[in-house]
Amino acid sequence: MHDFIERITAYVHWALFLFLEGLSGFLLFQYNHYQGSVWFTQANIAAAQVHEWEAMVLAYLRMPAENAALVRRNIILQQQNDLLRHEQKVLSNSEPASNFPSMGRTQGEGSLPSEGEDWRGSLIPARIIDNSVSKRDNMLVIDVGSDDGVAPEMGVVSGTGVVGIVSKVTPRHALVMSILNSNSSISCRLRGTEYFGYLKWKGGKPLRAYMDDVPRHAHIKKGDIVETSGFSAVFPAGIFLGKVAKIMNSSDGLAYELEILLGTDLANIRHVSVINNHIKAELDSLRTAN
């Protein structure tokens, strides 16, 4: 008890000093208009900065979920656009619209789901923890795995388009074969047409890939959009891949080879989503049955 009292008396002058400093500051800012306005202005600036930092931290923590929601919305809208383009093409090639039966579809008759409904798949938000773009066979690692529902041969996308395909999984991580990989081959097509091919990367620039086997009678121009074809269970149809940057002849001269400016900059990407196609197993079983 004696030691406790001695410690208090040893620092009592500091406590008194701080009390008097606080009291003088209160009296200064309370009864002097100019000093008070300066104090409250600076205090508000400091508080605003703290709130801004707090908002940035919260926004960063919410980014994976928001990214997944945006990618989901993007996929649904692109599928709806694909359906509308298909119906418009059918109508334009058929008898007059007044004699043509309505192509409107009710849910359960093959129509695409609205944003809040199931579109035969779900998205698993993920974050890239390792990535490369300068190798011949680039891979990336994401922070979700089999415990999160990720399996090999699932597609990986971002808000700007296709990223790659899951190659291997562990309980908490997954290895993804990037589209910047010599073994990558994404089934794709020219938007608004039925001309399809495969998107491949030949090394070099990380924003350039190539679409091969495009028929010579196809009407192609620079700026045409290239998207996923939907011919596999990995990616749904209509997911943006890039735009035609250059039209060239194939090596045998029998078709076109298109240079594609990719929509996704893999050198500057962090948050992605894994596509879990709910009917993939069913489609795979049909293919193996043949």
C-alpha atoms as a PDB file:
ATOM      1  CA  MET A   1       0.000   0.000   0.000  1.00  0.00           C
ATOM      2  CA  HIS A   2       2.863   2.329   0.877  1.00  0.00           C
ATOM      3  CA  ASP A   3       4.515   1.670  -2.534  1.00  0.00           C
ATOM      4  CA  PHE A   4       1.241   2.381  -4.317  1.00  0.00           C
ATOM      5  CA  ILE A   5       0.869   5.754  -2.612  1.00  0.00           C
ATOM      6  CA  GLU A   6       4.469   6.662  -3.434  1.00  0.00           C
ATOM      7  CA  ARG A   7       3.921   5.900  -7.133  1.00  0.00           C
ATOM      8  CA  ILE A   8       0.832   8.125  -7.180  1.00  0.00           C
ATOM      9  CA  THR A   9       2.635  11.016  -5.492  1.00  0.00           C
ATOM     10  CA  ALA A  10       5.622  10.604  -7.834  1.00  0.00           C
ATOM     11  CA  TYR A  11       3.419  11.241 -10.899  1.00  0.00           C
ATOM     12  CA  VAL A  12       0.801  13.528  -9.393  1.00  0.00           C
ATOM     13  CA  HIS A  13       2.465  16.603 -10.903  1.00  0.00           C
ATOM     14  CA  TRP A  14       2.126  15.099 -14.399  1.00  0.00           C
ATOM     15  CA  ALA A  15      -1.526  14.366 -13.790  1.00  0.00           C
ATOM     16  CA  LEU A  16      -2.058  17.916 -12.540  1.00  0.00           C
ATOM     17  CA  PHE A  17      -0.193  19.305 -15.566  1.00  0.00           C
ATOM     18  CA  LEU A  18      -2.356  17.352 -18.019  1.00  0.00           C
ATOM     19  CA  PHE A  19      -5.529  18.373 -16.195  1.00  0.00           C
ATOM     20  CA  LEU A  20      -4.611  22.057 -16.305  1.00  0.00           C
ATOM     21  CA  GLU A  21      -3.624  21.780 -19.980  1.00  0.00           C
ATOM     22  CA  GLY A  22      -6.968  20.225 -20.785  1.00  0.00           C
ATOM     23  CA  LEU A  23      -8.837  22.834 -18.776  1.00  0.00           C
ATOM     24  CA  SER A  24      -6.986  25.705 -20.430  1.00  0.00           C
ATOM     25  CA  GLY A  25      -7.681  24.252 -23.855  1.00  0.00           C
ATOM     26  CA  PHE A  26     -11.362  23.883 -23.062  1.00  0.00           C
ATOM     27  CA  LEU A  27     -11.592  27.485 -21.811  1.00  0.00           C
ATOM     28  CA  LEU A  28      -9.630  28.746 -24.830  1.00  0.00           C
ATOM     29  CA  PHE A  29     -11.830  27.072 -27.439  1.00  0.00           C
ATOM     30  CA  GLN A  30     -15.076  27.540 -25.519  1.00  0.00           C
ATOM     31  CA  TYR A  31     -14.854  31.294 -24.971  1.00  0.00           C
ATOM     32  CA  ASN A  32     -12.815  32.408 -28.012  1.00  0.00           C
ATOM     33  CA  HIS A  33     -14.746  32.244 -31.259  1.00  0.00           C
ATOM     34  CA  TYR A  34     -11.774  32.240 -33.664  1.00  0.00           C
ATOM     35  CA  GLN A  35      -9.754  29.584 -31.813  1.00  0.00           C
ATOM     36  CA  GLY A  36     -12.900  27.493 -31.384  1.00  0.00           C
ATOM     37  CA  SER A  37     -13.742  27.617 -35.091  1.00  0.00           C
ATOM     38  CA  VAL A  38     -10.181  26.619 -36.008  1.00  0.00           C
ATOM     39  CA  TRP A  39     -10.280  23.709 -33.567  1.00  0.00           C
ATOM     40  CA  PHE A  40     -13.627  22.358 -34.751  1.00  0.00           C
ATOM     41  CA  THR A  41     -12.622  22.752 -38.402  1.00  0.00           C
ATOM     42  CA  GLN A  42      -9.465  20.726 -37.895  1.00  0.00           C
ATOM     43  CA  ALA A  43     -11.329  18.196 -35.769  1.00  0.00           C
ATOM     44  CA  ASN A  44     -13.923  17.734 -38.515  1.00  0.00           C
ATOM     45  CA  ILE A  45     -11.185  17.308 -41.133  1.00  0.00           C
ATOM     46  CA  ALA A  46      -9.490  14.655 -38.995  1.00  0.00           C
ATOM     47  CA  ALA A  47     -12.792  12.880 -38.344  1.00  0.00           C
ATOM     48  CA  ALA A  48     -13.640  12.942 -42.060  1.00  0.00           C
ATOM     49  CA  GLN A  49     -10.255  11.418 -42.890  1.00  0.00           C
ATOM     50  CA  VAL A  50     -10.795   8.654 -40.338  1.00  0.00           C
ATOM     51  CA  HIS A  51     -14.253   7.931 -41.794  1.00  0.00           C
ATOM     52  CA  GLU A  52     -12.768   7.850 -45.300  1.00  0.00           C
ATOM     53  CA  TRP A  53     -10.148   5.312 -44.220  1.00  0.00           C
ATOM     54  CA  GLU A  54     -12.862   3.267 -42.525  1.00  0.00           C
ATOM     55  CA  ALA A  55     -14.976   3.323 -45.707  1.00  0.00           C
ATOM     56  CA  MET A  56     -11.991   2.235 -47.806  1.00  0.00           C
ATOM     57  CA  VAL A  57     -11.270  -0.696 -45.478  1.00  0.00           C
ATOM     58  CA  LEU A  58     -14.914  -1.792 -45.456  1.00  0.00           C
ATOM     59  CA  ALA A  59     -15.131  -1.443 -49.241  1.00  0.00           C
ATOM     60  CA  TYR A  60     -12.029  -3.607 -49.646  1.00  0.00           C
ATOM     61  CA  LEU A  61     -13.487  -6.266 -47.343  1.00  0.00           C
ATOM     62  CA  ARG A  62     -16.752  -6.252 -49.316  1.00  0.00           C
ATOM     63  CA  MET A  63     -15.021  -6.319 -52.707  1.00  0.00           C
ATOM     64  CA  PRO A  64     -15.079 -10.114 -53.290  1.00  0.00           C
ATOM     65  CA  ALA A  65     -18.832 -10.325 -52.669  1.00  0.00           C
ATOM     66  CA  GLU A  66     -19.551  -7.226 -54.750  1.00  0.00           C
ATOM     67  CA  ASN A  67     -17.338  -8.540 -57.543  1.00  0.00           C
ATOM     68  CA  ALA A  68     -19.210 -11.856 -57.548  1.00  0.00           C
ATOM     69  CA  ALA A  69     -22.539 -10.022 -57.712  1.00  0.00           C
ATOM     70  CA  LEU A  70     -21.345  -7.888 -60.634  1.00  0.00           C
ATOM     71  CA  VAL A  71     -19.976 -10.897 -62.515  1.00  0.00           C
ATOM     72  CA  ARG A  72     -23.226 -12.781 -61.921  1.00  0.00           C
ATOM     73  CA  ARG A  73     -25.235  -9.825 -63.225  1.00  0.00           C
ATOM     74  CA  ASN A  74     -22.889  -9.544 -66.214  1.00  0.00           C
ATOM     75  CA  ILE A  75     -23.291 -13.238 -67.083  1.00  0.00           C
ATOM     76  CA  ILE A  76     -27.069 -13.066 -66.823  1.00  0.00           C
ATOM     77  CA  LEU A  77     -27.277  -9.926 -68.974  1.00  0.00           C
ATOM     78  CA  GLN A  78     -24.961 -11.382 -71.606  1.00  0.00           C
ATOM     79  CA  GLN A  79     -27.029 -14.576 -71.739  1.00  0.00           C
ATOM     80  CA  GLN A  80     -30.215 -12.543 -72.083  1.00  0.00           C
ATOM     81  CA  ASN A  81     -28.631 -10.504 -74.888  1.00  0.00           C
ATOM     82  CA  ASP A  82     -27.570 -13.715 -76.590  1.00  0.00           C
ATOM     83  CA  LEU A  83     -31.125 -15.039 -76.424  1.00  0.00           C
ATOM     84  CA  LEU A  84     -32.567 -11.778 -77.782  1.00  0.00           C
ATOM     85  CA  ARG A  85     -30.089 -11.766 -80.684  1.00  0.00           C
ATOM     86  CA  HIS A  86     -31.018 -15.356 -81.484  1.00  0.00           C
ATOM     87  CA  GLU A  87     -34.750 -14.619 -81.431  1.00  0.00           C
ATOM     88  CA  GLN A  88     -34.270 -11.499 -83.546  1.00  0.00           C
ATOM     89  CA  LYS A  89     -32.345 -13.539 -86.099  1.00  0.00           C
ATOM     90  CA  VAL A  90     -35.069 -16.195 -86.196  1.00  0.00           C
ATOM     91  CA  LEU A  91     -37.737 -13.555 -86.647  1.00  0.00           C
ATOM     92  CA  SER A  92     -35.830 -11.792 -89.421  1.00  0.00           C
ATOM     93  CA  ASN A  93     -35.441 -15.072 -91.331  1.00  0.00           C
ATOM     94  CA  SER A  94     -39.061 -16.130 -90.901  1.00  0.00           C
ATOM     95  CA  GLU A  95     -42.463 -14.962 -92.111  1.00  0.00           C
ATOM     96  CA  PRO A  96     -43.775 -11.514 -91.103  1.00  0.00           C
ATOM     97  CA  ALA A  97     -44.011 -10.911 -87.396  1.00  0.00           C
ATOM     98  CA  SER A  98     -47.810 -10.518 -87.585  1.00  0.00           C
ATOM     99  CA  ASN A  99     -48.093 -14.173 -88.667  1.00  0.00           C
ATOM    100  CA  PHE A 100     -45.300 -15.472 -86.489  1.00  0.00           C
ATOM    101  CA  PRO A 101     -46.197 -16.959 -83.094  1.00  0.00           C
ATOM    102  CA  SER A 102     -44.870 -15.139 -80.074  1.00  0.00           C
ATOM    103  CA  MET A 103     -41.457 -16.288 -78.878  1.00  0.00           C
ATOM    104  CA  GLY A 104     -42.079 -15.061 -75.374  1.00  0.00           C
ATOM    105  CA  ARG A 105     -41.260 -17.789 -72.860  1.00  0.00           C
ATOM    106  CA  THR A 106     -42.514 -18.420 -69.409  1.00  0.00           C
ATOM    107  CA  GLN A 107     -40.248 -19.664 -66.657  1.00  0.00           C
ATOM    108  CA  GLY A 108     -39.742 -23.385 -67.074  1.00  0.00           C
ATOM    109  CA  GLU A 109     -39.925 -23.256 -70.884  1.00  0.00           C
ATOM    110  CA  GLY A 110     -36.263 -22.525 -71.488  1.00  0.00           C
ATOM    111  CA  SER A 111     -36.270 -18.817 -70.706  1.00  0.00           C
ATOM    112  CA  LEU A 112     -33.295 -17.263 -69.048  1.00  0.00           C
ATOM    113  CA  PRO A 113     -33.706 -16.521 -65.357  1.00  0.00           C
ATOM    114  CA  SER A 114     -33.993 -13.037 -63.986  1.00  0.00           C
ATOM    115  CA  GLU A 115     -31.219 -11.615 -61.825  1.00  0.00           C
ATOM    116  CA  GLY A 116     -32.577 -13.080 -58.616  1.00  0.00           C
ATOM    117  CA  GLU A 117     -33.163 -16.568 -60.017  1.00  0.00           C
ATOM    118  CA  ASP A 118     -30.937 -19.529 -60.657  1.00  0.00           C
ATOM    119  CA  TRP A 119     -29.214 -19.468 -64.049  1.00  0.00           C
ATOM    120  CA  ARG A 120     -28.089 -23.102 -63.745  1.00  0.00           C
ATOM    121  CA  GLY A 121     -24.949 -22.018 -61.968  1.00  0.00           C
ATOM    122  CA  SER A 122     -23.480 -20.048 -59.107  1.00  0.00           C
ATOM    123  CA  LEU A 123     -20.400 -17.951 -58.515  1.00  0.00           C
ATOM    124  CA  ILE A 124     -17.742 -18.556 -55.880  1.00  0.00           C
ATOM    125  CA  PRO A 125     -15.833 -15.323 -55.072  1.00  0.00           C
ATOM    126  CA  ALA A 126     -12.054 -15.687 -54.845  1.00  0.00           C
ATOM    127  CA  ARG A 127      -8.867 -13.671 -54.598  1.00  0.00           C
ATOM    128  CA  ILE A 128      -5.721 -14.247 -56.648  1.00  0.00           C
ATOM    129  CA  ILE A 129      -2.756 -14.882 -54.344  1.00  0.00           C
ATOM    130  CA  ASP A 130      -0.174 -15.830 -56.986  1.00  0.00           C
ATOM    131  CA  ASN A 131      -0.036 -14.941 -60.663  1.00  0.00           C
ATOM    132  CA  SER A 132       2.285 -14.723 -63.671  1.00  0.00           C
ATOM    133  CA  VAL A 133       1.911 -13.280 -67.179  1.00  0.00           C
ATOM    134  CA  SER A 134       5.449 -13.417 -68.580  1.00  0.00           C
ATOM    135  CA  LYS A 135       5.909 -17.191 -68.910  1.00  0.00           C
ATOM    136  CA  ARG A 136       4.953 -19.455 -71.782  1.00  0.00           C
ATOM    137  CA  ASP A 137       2.510 -21.421 -69.621  1.00  0.00           C
ATOM    138  CA  ASN A 138       1.150 -19.023 -67.045  1.00  0.00           C
ATOM    139  CA  MET A 139      -0.800 -20.231 -64.029  1.00  0.00           C
ATOM    140  CA  LEU A 140      -2.439 -18.470 -61.103  1.00  0.00           C
ATOM    141  CA  VAL A 141      -3.503 -19.519 -57.621  1.00  0.00           C
ATOM    142  CA  ILE A 142      -6.746 -18.492 -55.921  1.00  0.00           C
ATOM    143  CA  ASP A 143      -7.662 -18.672 -52.240  1.00  0.00           C
ATOM    144  CA  VAL A 144     -10.635 -21.061 -52.534  1.00  0.00           C
ATOM    145  CA  GLY A 145     -10.626 -24.826 -52.949  1.00  0.00           C
ATOM    146  CA  SER A 146     -12.634 -27.998 -52.590  1.00  0.00           C
ATOM    147  CA  ASP A 147     -13.922 -26.915 -49.176  1.00  0.00           C
ATOM    148  CA  ASP A 148     -15.597 -23.990 -50.954  1.00  0.00           C
ATOM    149  CA  GLY A 149     -17.093 -26.122 -53.720  1.00  0.00           C
ATOM    150  CA  VAL A 150     -14.356 -25.582 -56.327  1.00  0.00           C
ATOM    151  CA  ALA A 151     -13.479 -28.501 -58.615  1.00  0.00           C
ATOM    152  CA  PRO A 152     -11.224 -29.013 -61.657  1.00  0.00           C
ATOM    153  CA  GLU A 153     -12.501 -27.786 -65.035  1.00  0.00           C
ATOM    154  CA  MET A 154     -14.531 -24.942 -63.557  1.00  0.00           C
ATOM    155  CA  GLY A 155     -14.307 -21.618 -65.341  1.00  0.00           C
ATOM    156  CA  VAL A 156     -12.830 -18.539 -63.691  1.00  0.00           C
ATOM    157  CA  VAL A 157     -14.036 -15.068 -64.680  1.00  0.00           C
ATOM    158  CA  SER A 158     -13.747 -11.450 -63.624  1.00  0.00           C
ATOM    159  CA  GLY A 159     -15.918  -8.426 -64.236  1.00  0.00           C
ATOM    160  CA  THR A 160     -14.124  -7.874 -67.560  1.00  0.00           C
ATOM    161  CA  GLY A 161     -14.270 -11.402 -68.964  1.00  0.00           C
ATOM    162  CA  VAL A 162     -12.663 -14.838 -68.889  1.00  0.00           C
ATOM    163  CA  VAL A 163      -9.604 -15.473 -66.698  1.00  0.00           C
ATOM    164  CA  GLY A 164      -8.941 -19.213 -67.036  1.00  0.00           C
ATOM    165  CA  ILE A 165      -9.949 -22.749 -66.050  1.00  0.00           C
ATOM    166  CA  VAL A 166      -9.344 -24.530 -62.734  1.00  0.00           C
ATOM    167  CA  SER A 167      -6.650 -27.194 -63.133  1.00  0.00           C
ATOM    168  CA  LYS A 168      -6.063 -28.610 -59.647  1.00  0.00           C
ATOM    169  CA  VAL A 169      -7.604 -28.064 -56.228  1.00  0.00           C
ATOM    170  CA  THR A 170      -6.664 -28.517 -52.598  1.00  0.00           C
ATOM    171  CA  PRO A 171      -9.064 -28.024 -49.688  1.00  0.00           C
ATOM    172  CA  ARG A 172      -8.320 -24.281 -49.466  1.00  0.00           C
ATOM    173  CA  HIS A 173      -6.677 -23.310 -52.765  1.00  0.00           C
ATOM    174  CA  ALA A 174      -6.966 -23.913 -56.495  1.00  0.00           C
ATOM    175  CA  LEU A 175      -4.482 -23.800 -59.374  1.00  0.00           C
ATOM    176  CA  VAL A 176      -5.920 -22.084 -62.449  1.00  0.00           C
ATOM    177  CA  MET A 177      -4.649 -22.406 -66.006  1.00  0.00           C
ATOM    178  CA  SER A 178      -4.648 -18.837 -67.241  1.00  0.00           C
ATOM    179  CA  ILE A 179      -5.861 -17.908 -70.723  1.00  0.00           C
ATOM    180  CA  LEU A 180      -2.220 -16.780 -71.086  1.00  0.00           C
ATOM    181  CA  ASN A 181      -1.131 -20.404 -71.334  1.00  0.00           C
ATOM    182  CA  SER A 182      -0.058 -22.257 -74.466  1.00  0.00           C
ATOM    183  CA  ASN A 183      -2.327 -25.164 -73.477  1.00  0.00           C
ATOM    184  CA  SER A 184      -5.393 -22.971 -73.053  1.00  0.00           C
ATOM    185  CA  SER A 185      -8.101 -23.323 -75.703  1.00  0.00           C
ATOM    186  CA  ILE A 186     -11.386 -21.496 -75.113  1.00  0.00           C
ATOM    187  CA  SER A 187     -14.323 -22.235 -77.419  1.00  0.00           C
ATOM    188  CA  CYS A 188     -15.434 -18.850 -78.737  1.00  0.00           C
ATOM    189  CA  ARG A 189     -17.474 -17.189 -81.447  1.00  0.00           C
ATOM    190  CA  LEU A 190     -18.047 -13.832 -83.114  1.00  0.00           C
ATOM    191  CA  ARG A 191     -20.951 -12.098 -81.404  1.00  0.00           C
ATOM    192  CA  GLY A 192     -24.117 -12.067 -83.452  1.00  0.00           C
ATOM    193  CA  THR A 193     -22.956 -14.887 -85.721  1.00  0.00           C
ATOM    194  CA  GLU A 194     -22.575 -18.655 -85.607  1.00  0.00           C
ATOM    195  CA  TYR A 195     -18.911 -18.534 -86.644  1.00  0.00           C
ATOM    196  CA  PHE A 196     -16.874 -20.134 -83.892  1.00  0.00           C
ATOM    197  CA  GLY A 197     -13.306 -21.178 -83.217  1.00  0.00           C
ATOM    198  CA  TYR A 198     -10.837 -21.470 -80.364  1.00  0.00           C
ATOM    199  CA  LEU A 199      -9.102 -18.675 -78.516  1.00  0.00           C
ATOM    200  CA  LYS A 200      -5.413 -19.436 -77.972  1.00  0.00           C
ATOM    201  CA  TRP A 201      -2.415 -17.537 -76.675  1.00  0.00           C
ATOM    202  CA  LYS A 202       0.922 -17.757 -78.481  1.00  0.00           C
ATOM    203  CA  GLY A 203       3.089 -15.985 -75.942  1.00  0.00           C
ATOM    204  CA  GLY A 204       4.362 -12.450 -76.012  1.00  0.00           C
ATOM    205  CA  LYS A 205       1.932  -9.639 -75.222  1.00  0.00           C
ATOM    206  CA  PRO A 206      -0.451 -10.497 -72.344  1.00  0.00           C
ATOM    207  CA  LEU A 207      -3.350  -8.652 -73.979  1.00  0.00           C
ATOM    208  CA  ARG A 208      -3.160 -10.435 -77.354  1.00  0.00           C
ATOM    209  CA  ALA A 209      -4.600 -13.832 -78.232  1.00  0.00           C
ATOM    210  CA  TYR A 210      -5.735 -15.497 -81.457  1.00  0.00           C
ATOM    211  CA  MET A 211      -8.934 -17.040 -82.773  1.00  0.00           C
ATOM    212  CA  ASP A 212      -8.423 -19.628 -85.498  1.00  0.00           C
ATOM    213  CA  ASP A 213     -10.485 -21.507 -88.095  1.00  0.00           C
ATOM    214  CA  VAL A 214     -12.805 -18.641 -88.993  1.00  0.00           C
ATOM    215  CA  PRO A 215     -14.342 -19.274 -92.460  1.00  0.00           C
ATOM    216  CA  ARG A 216     -13.232 -16.968 -95.251  1.00  0.00           C
ATOM    217  CA  HIS A 217     -16.820 -16.168 -96.197  1.00  0.00           C
ATOM    218  CA  ALA A 218     -17.455 -14.698 -92.756  1.00  0.00           C
ATOM    219  CA  HIS A 219     -17.955 -10.937 -92.751  1.00  0.00           C
ATOM    220  CA  ILE A 220     -15.487  -9.692 -90.148  1.00  0.00           C
ATOM    221  CA  LYS A 221     -14.293  -6.221 -89.285  1.00  0.00           C
ATOM    222  CA  LYS A 222     -12.021  -4.744 -86.648  1.00  0.00           C
ATOM    223  CA  GLY A 223     -13.792  -4.131 -83.377  1.00  0.00           C
ATOM    224  CA  ASP A 224     -16.118  -7.127 -83.657  1.00  0.00           C
ATOM    225  CA  ILE A 225     -16.731  -8.711 -80.257  1.00  0.00           C
ATOM    226  CA  VAL A 226     -15.515 -12.216 -79.454  1.00  0.00           C
ATOM    227  CA  GLU A 227     -17.346 -14.130 -76.709  1.00  0.00           C
ATOM    228  CA  THR A 228     -17.620 -17.646 -75.317  1.00  0.00           C
ATOM    229  CA  SER A 229     -19.627 -19.975 -77.545  1.00  0.00           C
ATOM    230  CA  GLY A 230     -21.310 -22.041 -74.840  1.00  0.00           C
ATOM    231  CA  PHE A 231     -20.220 -25.269 -76.577  1.00  0.00           C
ATOM    232  CA  SER A 232     -18.696 -26.534 -73.332  1.00  0.00           C
ATOM    233  CA  ALA A 233     -19.941 -26.799 -69.762  1.00  0.00           C
ATOM    234  CA  VAL A 234     -17.079 -24.621 -68.508  1.00  0.00           C
ATOM    235  CA  PHE A 235     -18.368 -21.203 -69.591  1.00  0.00           C
ATOM    236  CA  PRO A 236     -21.916 -20.170 -70.478  1.00  0.00           C
ATOM    237  CA  ALA A 237     -22.460 -18.563 -73.872  1.00  0.00           C
ATOM    238  CA  GLY A 238     -21.950 -14.853 -74.320  1.00  0.00           C
ATOM    239  CA  ILE A 239     -19.137 -14.120 -71.834  1.00  0.00           C
ATOM    240  CA  PHE A 240     -16.927 -11.350 -73.189  1.00  0.00           C
ATOM    241  CA  LEU A 241     -13.423 -12.314 -74.310  1.00  0.00           C
ATOM    242  CA  GLY A 242     -12.182  -9.397 -76.381  1.00  0.00           C
ATOM    243  CA  LYS A 243     -12.381  -7.545 -79.686  1.00  0.00           C
ATOM    244  CA  VAL A 244     -10.955  -8.232 -83.127  1.00  0.00           C
ATOM    245  CA  ALA A 245      -7.767  -6.197 -83.557  1.00  0.00           C
ATOM    246  CA  LYS A 246      -6.384  -7.699 -86.769  1.00  0.00           C
ATOM    247  CA  ILE A 247      -7.594 -10.040 -89.532  1.00  0.00           C
ATOM    248  CA  MET A 248      -5.017 -12.411 -91.036  1.00  0.00           C
ATOM    249  CA  ASN A 249      -4.900 -15.509 -93.205  1.00  0.00           C
ATOM    250  CA  SER A 250      -4.388 -18.896 -91.581  1.00  0.00           C
ATOM    251  CA  SER A 251      -1.209 -20.824 -92.254  1.00  0.00           C
ATOM    252  CA  ASP A 252      -2.916 -22.942 -94.957  1.00  0.00           C
ATOM    253  CA  GLY A 253      -4.746 -19.973 -96.464  1.00  0.00           C
ATOM    254  CA  LEU A 254      -8.133 -21.688 -96.165  1.00  0.00           C
ATOM    255  CA  ALA A 255      -9.481 -19.657 -93.258  1.00  0.00           C
ATOM    256  CA  TYR A 256      -8.958 -16.490 -91.264  1.00  0.00           C
ATOM    257  CA  GLU A 257      -6.921 -16.116 -88.101  1.00  0.00           C
ATOM    258  CA  LEU A 258      -7.996 -13.225 -85.915  1.00  0.00           C
ATOM    259  CA  GLU A 259      -5.811 -11.329 -83.490  1.00  0.00           C
ATOM    260  CA  ILE A 260      -7.905 -10.544 -80.416  1.00  0.00           C
ATOM    261  CA  LEU A 261      -7.400  -7.702 -77.968  1.00  0.00           C
ATOM    262  CA  LEU A 262      -8.343  -9.341 -74.666  1.00  0.00           C
ATOM    263  CA  GLY A 263     -10.779  -7.616 -72.357  1.00  0.00           C
ATOM    264  CA  THR A 264      -9.124  -8.846 -69.154  1.00  0.00           C
ATOM    265  CA  ASP A 265      -5.702  -7.531 -68.168  1.00  0.00           C
ATOM    266  CA  LEU A 266      -4.356 -10.442 -66.137  1.00  0.00           C
ATOM    267  CA  ALA A 267      -1.376  -8.356 -65.048  1.00  0.00           C
ATOM    268  CA  ASN A 268      -3.747  -6.048 -63.172  1.00  0.00           C
ATOM    269  CA  ILE A 269      -6.395  -8.212 -61.565  1.00  0.00           C
ATOM    270  CA  ARG A 270      -6.967  -9.402 -58.007  1.00  0.00           C
ATOM    271  CA  HIS A 271     -10.573 -10.488 -57.467  1.00  0.00           C
ATOM    272  CA  VAL A 272     -12.243 -13.202 -59.575  1.00  0.00           C
ATOM    273  CA  SER A 273     -15.163 -15.633 -59.406  1.00  0.00           C
ATOM    274  CA  VAL A 274     -15.343 -19.360 -60.095  1.00  0.00           C
ATOM    275  CA  ILE A 275     -18.315 -20.574 -62.144  1.00  0.00           C
ATOM    276  CA  ASN A 276     -20.019 -23.595 -60.626  1.00  0.00           C
ATOM    277  CA  ASN A 277     -22.207 -24.933 -63.442  1.00  0.00           C
ATOM    278  CA  HIS A 278     -24.926 -27.012 -61.775  1.00  0.00           C
ATOM    279  CA  ILE A 279     -25.550 -29.133 -64.870  1.00  0.00           C
ATOM    280  CA  LYS A 280     -21.900 -29.761 -65.783  1.00  0.00           C
ATOM    281  CA  ALA A 281     -21.898 -33.328 -64.417  1.00  0.00           C
ATOM    282  CA  GLU A 282     -25.007 -34.128 -66.440  1.00  0.00           C
ATOM    283  CA  LEU A 283     -23.484 -32.751 -69.646  1.00  0.00           C
ATOM    284  CA  ASP A 284     -20.202 -34.577 -69.037  1.00  0.00           C
ATOM    285  CA  SER A 285     -22.043 -37.851 -68.528  1.00  0.00           C
ATOM    286  CA  LEU A 286     -23.804 -37.406 -71.869  1.00  0.00           C
ATOM    287  CA  ARG A 287     -20.481 -36.811 -73.626  1.00  0.00           C
ATOM    288  CA  THR A 288     -18.800 -39.840 -72.077  1.00  0.00           C
ATOM    289  CA  ALA A 289     -21.814 -41.997 -72.909  1.00  0.00           C
ATOM    290  CA  ASN A 290     -20.979 -41.579 -76.582  1.00  0.00           C
END
